[in-house]
């Protein structure tokens, strides 16, 4: 798995596609977390995948 660095400044511009709420960055798992939607969106090769079909439900 590639771990290209995610530009944290991009996080300021991104919101959850489901709830429009802010996201937090999980560097260890390479995911953007939406607590309000209970979803984690993957970051692949430094690119956030903001599709609900690609998101993982939080436990």
N, C-alpha and C. Protein backbone atom coordinates (compact mmCIF):
# COMPACT_ATOMS: atom_id res chain seq x y z
N UNK A 1 0.84 -1.17 0.00
CA UNK A 1 0.00 0.00 0.00
C UNK A 1 0.89 1.24 0.00
N UNK A 2 0.57 2.16 -0.86
CA UNK A 2 1.35 3.38 -0.97
C UNK A 2 0.88 4.38 0.08
N UNK A 3 1.84 5.09 0.66
CA UNK A 3 1.49 6.12 1.66
C UNK A 3 2.02 7.46 1.21
N UNK A 4 1.46 7.99 0.13
CA UNK A 4 1.80 9.33 -0.30
C UNK A 4 1.26 10.30 0.74
N UNK A 5 2.01 11.35 1.01
CA UNK A 5 1.62 12.30 2.03
C UNK A 5 0.34 13.03 1.65
N UNK A 6 -0.60 13.10 2.58
CA UNK A 6 -1.85 13.82 2.39
C UNK A 6 -1.63 15.27 2.78
N UNK A 7 -2.05 16.19 1.92
CA UNK A 7 -1.91 17.63 2.19
C UNK A 7 -3.00 18.05 3.18
N UNK A 8 -2.59 18.30 4.41
CA UNK A 8 -3.56 18.64 5.46
C UNK A 8 -4.31 19.93 5.17
N UNK A 9 -3.76 20.81 4.34
CA UNK A 9 -4.48 22.03 3.98
C UNK A 9 -5.75 21.69 3.20
N UNK A 10 -5.72 20.56 2.49
CA UNK A 10 -6.90 20.12 1.74
C UNK A 10 -8.06 19.81 2.70
N UNK A 11 -7.73 19.39 3.90
CA UNK A 11 -8.75 19.04 4.89
C UNK A 11 -9.65 20.24 5.20
N UNK A 12 -9.10 21.44 5.16
CA UNK A 12 -9.88 22.64 5.45
C UNK A 12 -10.98 22.86 4.41
N UNK A 13 -10.77 22.39 3.19
CA UNK A 13 -11.72 22.60 2.10
C UNK A 13 -12.73 21.46 1.97
N UNK A 14 -12.41 20.31 2.55
CA UNK A 14 -13.28 19.15 2.41
C UNK A 14 -14.29 19.05 3.54
N UNK A 15 -15.48 18.61 3.20
CA UNK A 15 -16.51 18.32 4.20
C UNK A 15 -17.11 16.96 3.88
N UNK A 16 -17.80 16.40 4.83
CA UNK A 16 -18.45 15.11 4.64
C UNK A 16 -19.51 15.25 3.54
N UNK A 17 -19.49 14.36 2.54
CA UNK A 17 -20.49 14.44 1.47
C UNK A 17 -21.90 14.07 1.94
N UNK A 18 -22.03 13.45 3.09
CA UNK A 18 -23.34 13.05 3.61
C UNK A 18 -23.94 14.14 4.47
N UNK A 19 -23.15 14.66 5.43
CA UNK A 19 -23.68 15.60 6.42
C UNK A 19 -23.17 17.03 6.27
N UNK A 20 -22.19 17.25 5.39
CA UNK A 20 -21.56 18.56 5.19
C UNK A 20 -20.80 19.03 6.42
N UNK A 21 -20.48 18.12 7.33
CA UNK A 21 -19.75 18.47 8.54
C UNK A 21 -18.23 18.35 8.30
N UNK A 22 -17.47 18.87 9.26
CA UNK A 22 -16.02 18.82 9.14
C UNK A 22 -15.51 17.40 9.31
N UNK A 23 -14.31 17.17 8.82
CA UNK A 23 -13.68 15.85 8.87
C UNK A 23 -12.41 15.93 9.71
N UNK A 24 -12.03 14.81 10.29
CA UNK A 24 -10.75 14.72 10.97
C UNK A 24 -9.88 13.73 10.20
N UNK A 25 -8.57 13.90 10.36
CA UNK A 25 -7.60 13.11 9.61
C UNK A 25 -6.98 12.04 10.50
N UNK A 26 -7.08 10.79 10.08
CA UNK A 26 -6.44 9.68 10.78
C UNK A 26 -5.22 9.28 9.96
N UNK A 27 -4.05 9.77 10.37
CA UNK A 27 -2.82 9.53 9.61
C UNK A 27 -2.43 8.05 9.60
N UNK A 28 -2.65 7.37 10.71
CA UNK A 28 -2.26 5.96 10.81
C UNK A 28 -3.03 5.09 9.82
N UNK A 29 -4.32 5.33 9.70
CA UNK A 29 -5.17 4.52 8.81
C UNK A 29 -5.34 5.14 7.43
N UNK A 30 -4.80 6.37 7.26
CA UNK A 30 -4.96 7.10 6.00
C UNK A 30 -6.43 7.22 5.62
N UNK A 31 -7.19 7.86 6.52
CA UNK A 31 -8.62 8.05 6.32
C UNK A 31 -9.04 9.43 6.80
N UNK A 32 -10.12 9.92 6.22
CA UNK A 32 -10.79 11.11 6.72
C UNK A 32 -12.04 10.64 7.44
N UNK A 33 -12.20 11.10 8.67
CA UNK A 33 -13.26 10.61 9.53
C UNK A 33 -14.39 11.63 9.64
N UNK A 34 -15.61 11.15 9.40
CA UNK A 34 -16.81 11.95 9.64
C UNK A 34 -17.53 11.33 10.82
N UNK A 35 -17.39 11.96 12.00
CA UNK A 35 -18.06 11.46 13.19
C UNK A 35 -19.57 11.55 13.04
N UNK A 36 -20.05 12.62 12.41
CA UNK A 36 -21.49 12.83 12.30
C UNK A 36 -22.17 11.79 11.41
N UNK A 37 -21.45 11.31 10.38
CA UNK A 37 -22.02 10.28 9.49
C UNK A 37 -21.58 8.88 9.89
N UNK A 38 -20.65 8.81 10.86
CA UNK A 38 -20.12 7.52 11.31
C UNK A 38 -19.42 6.77 10.17
N UNK A 39 -18.66 7.54 9.36
CA UNK A 39 -17.98 6.97 8.20
C UNK A 39 -16.51 7.40 8.18
N UNK A 40 -15.69 6.54 7.57
CA UNK A 40 -14.28 6.84 7.33
C UNK A 40 -14.03 6.73 5.83
N UNK A 41 -13.55 7.82 5.24
CA UNK A 41 -13.27 7.85 3.81
C UNK A 41 -11.78 7.60 3.58
N UNK A 42 -11.43 6.67 2.69
CA UNK A 42 -10.02 6.32 2.49
C UNK A 42 -9.26 7.41 1.73
N UNK A 43 -7.96 7.45 1.98
CA UNK A 43 -7.06 8.31 1.22
C UNK A 43 -6.12 7.36 0.47
N UNK A 44 -6.14 7.42 -0.84
CA UNK A 44 -5.31 6.53 -1.65
C UNK A 44 -4.34 7.36 -2.49
N UNK A 45 -3.05 7.08 -2.34
CA UNK A 45 -2.01 7.81 -3.06
C UNK A 45 -2.15 9.32 -2.86
N UNK A 46 -2.54 9.72 -1.64
CA UNK A 46 -2.65 11.13 -1.31
C UNK A 46 -3.96 11.77 -1.74
N UNK A 47 -4.87 10.99 -2.32
CA UNK A 47 -6.14 11.52 -2.81
C UNK A 47 -7.29 11.00 -1.97
N UNK A 48 -8.07 11.89 -1.35
CA UNK A 48 -9.22 11.44 -0.57
C UNK A 48 -10.31 10.92 -1.50
N UNK A 49 -10.85 9.76 -1.18
CA UNK A 49 -11.94 9.16 -1.95
C UNK A 49 -13.24 9.45 -1.19
N UNK A 50 -13.96 10.46 -1.65
CA UNK A 50 -15.12 10.97 -0.91
C UNK A 50 -16.43 10.36 -1.41
N UNK A 51 -16.42 9.09 -1.72
CA UNK A 51 -17.60 8.37 -2.17
C UNK A 51 -18.13 7.52 -1.03
N UNK A 52 -19.42 7.60 -0.79
CA UNK A 52 -20.00 6.80 0.29
C UNK A 52 -19.87 5.31 0.02
N UNK A 53 -19.81 4.93 -1.26
CA UNK A 53 -19.65 3.51 -1.60
C UNK A 53 -18.26 3.00 -1.25
N UNK A 54 -17.30 3.89 -1.07
CA UNK A 54 -15.94 3.51 -0.72
C UNK A 54 -15.66 3.68 0.77
N UNK A 55 -16.57 4.32 1.48
CA UNK A 55 -16.36 4.62 2.90
C UNK A 55 -16.57 3.38 3.76
N UNK A 56 -15.88 3.40 4.90
CA UNK A 56 -15.99 2.33 5.89
C UNK A 56 -16.82 2.86 7.05
N UNK A 57 -17.76 2.02 7.53
CA UNK A 57 -18.54 2.43 8.70
C UNK A 57 -17.66 2.34 9.95
N UNK A 58 -17.76 3.34 10.81
CA UNK A 58 -17.00 3.33 12.05
C UNK A 58 -17.65 2.37 13.03
N UNK A 59 -16.83 1.78 13.87
CA UNK A 59 -17.32 0.79 14.83
C UNK A 59 -17.78 1.45 16.11
